[in-house]
Amino acid sequence: MTESLRERKKAATRRHLAEVATRLFVERGFEAVTIAEVAEAADVSVKTVYNYFGAKEDLVLPEGQASADRLAAFVRDRTPGESAARAVLRNLRAELSRRDRTVGLTLGYGRFMRMVRESPTLLARFDRVGTDMREALAAELAAATGASPDDLVTRLVAAQIAWVQERMFAEIADRTARDEPPGDIAAAMHDLLDVMESLLGDRVLDYATREPE
């Protein structure tokens, strides 16, 4: 479906607000900047900022990373004959190959991550997003396999699949904080994913394989 002019304008405004806020946060620290200061710098009202972002932390989190449905969506869209874990690995490798902004492979991301790590508020939000992502993934795996929502095996598989992404993001954060070039980080993360895949047992790698059509 073609995006309407109104939707494009809303997306542009949202992007502008996030960019202005992130610049201020990186320059001065997340805790030191108020929503009123973001609104003034973006030439909008405080109400407008809150119309687009429910909380100050939402201005910082990359939209694709912050969605609790991110890993569940990878699994939901897996191809016939593909398992849940392999679908997640495929998508992560594709993001690395594209040097996708979602995984932080852009110049200047090191300063951004230093700002995040200096903010207890943002670290707590990132932790909550990770927890929500694991819960949504477990629910998707349960639906895919017919298991009960509280099935222990399903939840353990979800935790191991989520660990792959969490470990990759942590390593990217460390490397960007050291200002390593995005291309070098991407290559290293491809190698890391290969190692982590080799550490997952067959039961995890083959779990929730979609039946061929």
C-alpha atoms as a PDB file:
ATOM      1  CA  MET A   1       0.000   0.000   0.000  1.00  0.00           C
ATOM      2  CA  THR A   2       1.357   3.431  -0.994  1.00  0.00           C
ATOM      3  CA  GLU A   3       2.174   5.671   1.936  1.00  0.00           C
ATOM      4  CA  SER A   4       0.009   8.801   2.022  1.00  0.00           C
ATOM      5  CA  LEU A   5       1.419  12.330   2.117  1.00  0.00           C
ATOM      6  CA  ARG A   6       0.167  12.702   5.698  1.00  0.00           C
ATOM      7  CA  GLU A   7       1.972   9.514   6.756  1.00  0.00           C
ATOM      8  CA  ARG A   8       5.188  10.668   5.066  1.00  0.00           C
ATOM      9  CA  LYS A   9       5.004  14.020   6.862  1.00  0.00           C
ATOM     10  CA  LYS A  10       4.435  12.298  10.200  1.00  0.00           C
ATOM     11  CA  ALA A  11       7.387   9.979   9.589  1.00  0.00           C
ATOM     12  CA  ALA A  12       9.585  12.950   8.643  1.00  0.00           C
ATOM     13  CA  THR A  13       8.578  14.838  11.783  1.00  0.00           C
ATOM     14  CA  ARG A  14       9.252  11.801  13.953  1.00  0.00           C
ATOM     15  CA  ARG A  15      12.663  11.329  12.344  1.00  0.00           C
ATOM     16  CA  HIS A  16      13.506  15.031  12.769  1.00  0.00           C
ATOM     17  CA  LEU A  17      12.581  15.004  16.459  1.00  0.00           C
ATOM     18  CA  ALA A  18      14.642  11.872  17.118  1.00  0.00           C
ATOM     19  CA  GLU A  19      17.663  13.299  15.286  1.00  0.00           C
ATOM     20  CA  VAL A  20      17.515  16.627  17.130  1.00  0.00           C
ATOM     21  CA  ALA A  21      17.070  14.909  20.497  1.00  0.00           C
ATOM     22  CA  THR A  22      19.883  12.436  19.878  1.00  0.00           C
ATOM     23  CA  ARG A  23      22.265  15.233  18.909  1.00  0.00           C
ATOM     24  CA  LEU A  24      21.489  17.072  22.152  1.00  0.00           C
ATOM     25  CA  PHE A  25      21.757  13.902  24.234  1.00  0.00           C
ATOM     26  CA  VAL A  26      25.136  13.012  22.738  1.00  0.00           C
ATOM     27  CA  GLU A  27      26.454  16.553  23.235  1.00  0.00           C
ATOM     28  CA  ARG A  28      25.239  17.049  26.820  1.00  0.00           C
ATOM     29  CA  GLY A  29      24.148  13.680  28.199  1.00  0.00           C
ATOM     30  CA  PHE A  30      20.688  12.143  28.257  1.00  0.00           C
ATOM     31  CA  GLU A  31      19.832  13.109  31.832  1.00  0.00           C
ATOM     32  CA  ALA A  32      20.874  16.742  31.315  1.00  0.00           C
ATOM     33  CA  VAL A  33      18.488  17.499  28.428  1.00  0.00           C
ATOM     34  CA  THR A  34      14.779  18.180  28.961  1.00  0.00           C
ATOM     35  CA  ILE A  35      11.889  17.555  26.589  1.00  0.00           C
ATOM     36  CA  ALA A  36      11.296  21.317  26.544  1.00  0.00           C
ATOM     37  CA  GLU A  37      14.840  21.825  25.257  1.00  0.00           C
ATOM     38  CA  VAL A  38      14.327  19.191  22.576  1.00  0.00           C
ATOM     39  CA  ALA A  39      11.086  20.905  21.509  1.00  0.00           C
ATOM     40  CA  GLU A  40      12.802  24.298  21.341  1.00  0.00           C
ATOM     41  CA  ALA A  41      15.722  22.969  19.289  1.00  0.00           C
ATOM     42  CA  ALA A  42      13.313  21.206  16.909  1.00  0.00           C
ATOM     43  CA  ASP A  43      11.081  24.317  16.684  1.00  0.00           C
ATOM     44  CA  VAL A  44       7.948  22.513  17.860  1.00  0.00           C
ATOM     45  CA  SER A  45       5.836  22.504  21.014  1.00  0.00           C
ATOM     46  CA  VAL A  46       6.384  20.155  23.944  1.00  0.00           C
ATOM     47  CA  LYS A  47       2.946  18.707  23.175  1.00  0.00           C
ATOM     48  CA  THR A  48       4.100  17.831  19.654  1.00  0.00           C
ATOM     49  CA  VAL A  49       7.087  15.895  21.013  1.00  0.00           C
ATOM     50  CA  TYR A  50       4.802  13.889  23.306  1.00  0.00           C
ATOM     51  CA  ASN A  51       2.377  13.289  20.429  1.00  0.00           C
ATOM     52  CA  TYR A  52       5.153  11.338  18.700  1.00  0.00           C
ATOM     53  CA  PHE A  53       7.055   9.929  21.674  1.00  0.00           C
ATOM     54  CA  GLY A  54       5.411   8.747  24.858  1.00  0.00           C
ATOM     55  CA  ALA A  55       8.564   9.034  26.943  1.00  0.00           C
ATOM     56  CA  LYS A  56      11.942  10.736  26.703  1.00  0.00           C
ATOM     57  CA  GLU A  57      13.699   7.369  26.298  1.00  0.00           C
ATOM     58  CA  ASP A  58      11.660   6.654  23.157  1.00  0.00           C
ATOM     59  CA  LEU A  59      13.539   9.454  21.397  1.00  0.00           C
ATOM     60  CA  VAL A  60      16.742   7.442  21.696  1.00  0.00           C
ATOM     61  CA  LEU A  61      15.923   3.829  20.957  1.00  0.00           C
ATOM     62  CA  PRO A  62      16.236   2.863  17.269  1.00  0.00           C
ATOM     63  CA  GLU A  63      12.724   2.008  16.118  1.00  0.00           C
ATOM     64  CA  GLY A  64      13.634  -1.389  14.663  1.00  0.00           C
ATOM     65  CA  GLN A  65      15.652  -2.391  17.717  1.00  0.00           C
ATOM     66  CA  ALA A  66      13.114  -1.186  20.246  1.00  0.00           C
ATOM     67  CA  SER A  67      10.144  -3.189  19.030  1.00  0.00           C
ATOM     68  CA  ALA A  68       9.320  -6.061  21.370  1.00  0.00           C
ATOM     69  CA  ASP A  69       8.049  -7.912  18.300  1.00  0.00           C
ATOM     70  CA  ARG A  70      11.382  -7.764  16.433  1.00  0.00           C
ATOM     71  CA  LEU A  71      12.561 -11.365  16.942  1.00  0.00           C
ATOM     72  CA  ALA A  72       9.020 -12.760  16.895  1.00  0.00           C
ATOM     73  CA  ALA A  73       8.499 -11.111  13.497  1.00  0.00           C
ATOM     74  CA  PHE A  74      11.655 -12.755  12.126  1.00  0.00           C
ATOM     75  CA  VAL A  75      10.258 -16.129  13.218  1.00  0.00           C
ATOM     76  CA  ARG A  76       6.740 -15.405  11.993  1.00  0.00           C
ATOM     77  CA  ASP A  77       8.082 -14.615   8.504  1.00  0.00           C
ATOM     78  CA  ARG A  78      10.418 -17.616   8.253  1.00  0.00           C
ATOM     79  CA  THR A  79      10.385 -19.458   4.960  1.00  0.00           C
ATOM     80  CA  PRO A  80       9.103 -23.026   4.416  1.00  0.00           C
ATOM     81  CA  GLY A  81      11.692 -25.486   5.725  1.00  0.00           C
ATOM     82  CA  GLU A  82      13.351 -22.800   7.873  1.00  0.00           C
ATOM     83  CA  SER A  83      13.521 -23.022  11.668  1.00  0.00           C
ATOM     84  CA  ALA A  84      13.070 -20.179  14.138  1.00  0.00           C
ATOM     85  CA  ALA A  85      16.764 -19.897  15.010  1.00  0.00           C
ATOM     86  CA  ARG A  86      17.880 -20.011  11.382  1.00  0.00           C
ATOM     87  CA  ALA A  87      15.350 -17.289  10.481  1.00  0.00           C
ATOM     88  CA  VAL A  88      16.771 -15.020  13.174  1.00  0.00           C
ATOM     89  CA  LEU A  89      20.355 -15.747  12.099  1.00  0.00           C
ATOM     90  CA  ARG A  90      19.477 -15.050   8.460  1.00  0.00           C
ATOM     91  CA  ASN A  91      17.921 -11.687   9.323  1.00  0.00           C
ATOM     92  CA  LEU A  92      20.806 -10.642  11.547  1.00  0.00           C
ATOM     93  CA  ARG A  93      23.319 -11.513   8.824  1.00  0.00           C
ATOM     94  CA  ALA A  94      21.276  -9.539   6.288  1.00  0.00           C
ATOM     95  CA  GLU A  95      21.273  -6.469   8.556  1.00  0.00           C
ATOM     96  CA  LEU A  96      25.032  -6.748   8.966  1.00  0.00           C
ATOM     97  CA  SER A  97      25.543  -7.081   5.215  1.00  0.00           C
ATOM     98  CA  ARG A  98      23.450  -3.951   4.628  1.00  0.00           C
ATOM     99  CA  ARG A  99      25.316  -2.128   7.439  1.00  0.00           C
ATOM    100  CA  ASP A 100      21.829  -1.459   8.732  1.00  0.00           C
ATOM    101  CA  ARG A 101      21.311   1.488  11.112  1.00  0.00           C
ATOM    102  CA  THR A 102      19.221  -0.866  13.253  1.00  0.00           C
ATOM    103  CA  VAL A 103      22.363  -2.702  14.358  1.00  0.00           C
ATOM    104  CA  GLY A 104      24.403   0.459  14.839  1.00  0.00           C
ATOM    105  CA  LEU A 105      26.781   0.140  11.890  1.00  0.00           C
ATOM    106  CA  THR A 106      26.997   3.857  11.143  1.00  0.00           C
ATOM    107  CA  LEU A 107      29.706   6.457  11.683  1.00  0.00           C
ATOM    108  CA  GLY A 108      29.286   8.304  14.971  1.00  0.00           C
ATOM    109  CA  TYR A 109      27.496   5.427  16.679  1.00  0.00           C
ATOM    110  CA  GLY A 110      30.361   5.124  19.148  1.00  0.00           C
ATOM    111  CA  ARG A 111      29.540   8.506  20.713  1.00  0.00           C
ATOM    112  CA  PHE A 112      25.895   7.495  20.842  1.00  0.00           C
ATOM    113  CA  MET A 113      26.687   4.281  22.727  1.00  0.00           C
ATOM    114  CA  ARG A 114      28.913   6.116  25.198  1.00  0.00           C
ATOM    115  CA  MET A 115      25.957   8.405  25.942  1.00  0.00           C
ATOM    116  CA  VAL A 116      23.652   5.410  26.432  1.00  0.00           C
ATOM    117  CA  ARG A 117      26.067   3.662  28.796  1.00  0.00           C
ATOM    118  CA  GLU A 118      26.350   6.792  30.938  1.00  0.00           C
ATOM    119  CA  SER A 119      22.566   6.906  31.491  1.00  0.00           C
ATOM    120  CA  PRO A 120      20.968   4.586  34.077  1.00  0.00           C
ATOM    121  CA  THR A 121      17.563   5.459  32.615  1.00  0.00           C
ATOM    122  CA  LEU A 122      18.506   4.298  29.127  1.00  0.00           C
ATOM    123  CA  LEU A 123      20.284   1.166  30.351  1.00  0.00           C
ATOM    124  CA  ALA A 124      17.135   0.195  32.269  1.00  0.00           C
ATOM    125  CA  ARG A 125      14.998   0.792  29.187  1.00  0.00           C
ATOM    126  CA  PHE A 126      17.274  -1.342  27.016  1.00  0.00           C
ATOM    127  CA  ASP A 127      17.016  -4.127  29.606  1.00  0.00           C
ATOM    128  CA  ARG A 128      13.200  -3.924  29.558  1.00  0.00           C
ATOM    129  CA  VAL A 129      13.140  -4.049  25.769  1.00  0.00           C
ATOM    130  CA  GLY A 130      15.309  -7.179  25.852  1.00  0.00           C
ATOM    131  CA  THR A 131      12.986  -8.860  28.341  1.00  0.00           C
ATOM    132  CA  ASP A 132       9.902  -7.944  26.304  1.00  0.00           C
ATOM    133  CA  MET A 133      11.573  -9.282  23.166  1.00  0.00           C
ATOM    134  CA  ARG A 134      12.291 -12.643  24.776  1.00  0.00           C
ATOM    135  CA  GLU A 135       8.721 -12.888  26.051  1.00  0.00           C
ATOM    136  CA  ALA A 136       7.251 -12.091  22.623  1.00  0.00           C
ATOM    137  CA  LEU A 137       9.575 -14.612  20.984  1.00  0.00           C
ATOM    138  CA  ALA A 138       8.563 -17.327  23.469  1.00  0.00           C
ATOM    139  CA  ALA A 139       4.894 -16.611  22.726  1.00  0.00           C
ATOM    140  CA  GLU A 140       5.540 -16.851  18.981  1.00  0.00           C
ATOM    141  CA  LEU A 141       7.390 -20.160  19.387  1.00  0.00           C
ATOM    142  CA  ALA A 142       4.562 -21.531  21.512  1.00  0.00           C
ATOM    143  CA  ALA A 143       2.036 -20.563  18.844  1.00  0.00           C
ATOM    144  CA  ALA A 144       4.209 -22.113  16.116  1.00  0.00           C
ATOM    145  CA  THR A 145       4.670 -25.438  17.921  1.00  0.00           C
ATOM    146  CA  GLY A 146       1.328 -25.724  19.698  1.00  0.00           C
ATOM    147  CA  ALA A 147       3.031 -25.624  23.096  1.00  0.00           C
ATOM    148  CA  SER A 148       1.493 -23.926  26.108  1.00  0.00           C
ATOM    149  CA  PRO A 149       2.593 -20.304  26.690  1.00  0.00           C
ATOM    150  CA  ASP A 150       4.495 -21.311  29.845  1.00  0.00           C
ATOM    151  CA  ASP A 151       6.196 -24.382  28.319  1.00  0.00           C
ATOM    152  CA  LEU A 152       9.723 -24.556  29.752  1.00  0.00           C
ATOM    153  CA  VAL A 153      11.418 -25.886  26.615  1.00  0.00           C
ATOM    154  CA  THR A 154       9.868 -23.142  24.474  1.00  0.00           C
ATOM    155  CA  ARG A 155      11.033 -20.462  26.883  1.00  0.00           C
ATOM    156  CA  LEU A 156      14.546 -21.912  27.040  1.00  0.00           C
ATOM    157  CA  VAL A 157      14.779 -22.017  23.242  1.00  0.00           C
ATOM    158  CA  ALA A 158      13.577 -18.414  23.084  1.00  0.00           C
ATOM    159  CA  ALA A 159      16.231 -17.403  25.612  1.00  0.00           C
ATOM    160  CA  GLN A 160      18.997 -19.042  23.582  1.00  0.00           C
ATOM    161  CA  ILE A 161      17.863 -17.474  20.309  1.00  0.00           C
ATOM    162  CA  ALA A 162      17.564 -14.053  21.970  1.00  0.00           C
ATOM    163  CA  TRP A 163      21.058 -14.541  23.446  1.00  0.00           C
ATOM    164  CA  VAL A 164      22.498 -14.572  19.928  1.00  0.00           C
ATOM    165  CA  GLN A 165      21.139 -11.114  19.171  1.00  0.00           C
ATOM    166  CA  GLU A 166      21.949  -9.761  22.644  1.00  0.00           C
ATOM    167  CA  ARG A 167      25.565 -10.940  22.424  1.00  0.00           C
ATOM    168  CA  MET A 168      25.917  -9.467  18.936  1.00  0.00           C
ATOM    169  CA  PHE A 169      24.530  -6.083  20.019  1.00  0.00           C
ATOM    170  CA  ALA A 170      26.773  -6.042  23.089  1.00  0.00           C
ATOM    171  CA  GLU A 171      29.839  -6.717  20.967  1.00  0.00           C
ATOM    172  CA  ILE A 172      28.828  -4.023  18.450  1.00  0.00           C
ATOM    173  CA  ALA A 173      28.386  -1.574  21.325  1.00  0.00           C
ATOM    174  CA  ASP A 174      31.862  -2.363  22.667  1.00  0.00           C
ATOM    175  CA  ARG A 175      33.475  -1.977  19.273  1.00  0.00           C
ATOM    176  CA  THR A 176      31.631   1.211  18.304  1.00  0.00           C
ATOM    177  CA  ALA A 177      32.558   2.726  21.670  1.00  0.00           C
ATOM    178  CA  ARG A 178      36.184   2.132  20.612  1.00  0.00           C
ATOM    179  CA  ASP A 179      35.410   3.836  17.266  1.00  0.00           C
ATOM    180  CA  GLU A 180      36.219   0.788  15.140  1.00  0.00           C
ATOM    181  CA  PRO A 181      35.170   1.241  11.472  1.00  0.00           C
ATOM    182  CA  PRO A 182      31.651  -0.057  10.668  1.00  0.00           C
ATOM    183  CA  GLY A 183      32.979  -2.342   7.939  1.00  0.00           C
ATOM    184  CA  ASP A 184      35.427  -4.022  10.313  1.00  0.00           C
ATOM    185  CA  ILE A 185      32.681  -4.464  12.903  1.00  0.00           C
ATOM    186  CA  ALA A 186      30.321  -6.004  10.342  1.00  0.00           C
ATOM    187  CA  ALA A 187      32.959  -8.535   9.274  1.00  0.00           C
ATOM    188  CA  ALA A 188      33.721  -9.445  12.882  1.00  0.00           C
ATOM    189  CA  MET A 189      30.021  -9.879  13.648  1.00  0.00           C
ATOM    190  CA  HIS A 190      29.557 -12.257  10.726  1.00  0.00           C
ATOM    191  CA  ASP A 191      32.333 -14.373  12.244  1.00  0.00           C
ATOM    192  CA  LEU A 192      30.732 -14.093  15.687  1.00  0.00           C
ATOM    193  CA  LEU A 193      27.368 -15.293  14.377  1.00  0.00           C
ATOM    194  CA  ASP A 194      29.075 -18.300  12.782  1.00  0.00           C
ATOM    195  CA  VAL A 195      30.651 -19.182  16.138  1.00  0.00           C
ATOM    196  CA  MET A 196      27.410 -18.726  18.066  1.00  0.00           C
ATOM    197  CA  GLU A 197      25.485 -20.825  15.542  1.00  0.00           C
ATOM    198  CA  SER A 198      28.018 -23.613  16.010  1.00  0.00           C
ATOM    199  CA  LEU A 199      27.434 -23.466  19.777  1.00  0.00           C
ATOM    200  CA  LEU A 200      23.663 -23.931  19.495  1.00  0.00           C
ATOM    201  CA  GLY A 201      22.581 -27.565  19.617  1.00  0.00           C
ATOM    202  CA  ASP A 202      20.517 -29.212  16.895  1.00  0.00           C
ATOM    203  CA  ARG A 203      17.417 -29.093  19.079  1.00  0.00           C
ATOM    204  CA  VAL A 204      17.571 -25.295  19.161  1.00  0.00           C
ATOM    205  CA  LEU A 205      18.655 -24.902  15.533  1.00  0.00           C
ATOM    206  CA  ASP A 206      15.826 -27.131  14.285  1.00  0.00           C
ATOM    207  CA  TYR A 207      13.108 -25.921  16.688  1.00  0.00           C
ATOM    208  CA  ALA A 208       9.854 -24.676  15.122  1.00  0.00           C
ATOM    209  CA  THR A 209      10.865 -25.519  11.548  1.00  0.00           C
ATOM    210  CA  ARG A 210       8.101 -24.414   9.212  1.00  0.00           C
ATOM    211  CA  GLU A 211       6.636 -27.260   7.193  1.00  0.00           C
ATOM    212  CA  PRO A 212       7.417 -27.098   3.448  1.00  0.00           C
ATOM    213  CA  GLU A 213       4.442 -26.020   1.362  1.00  0.00           C
END
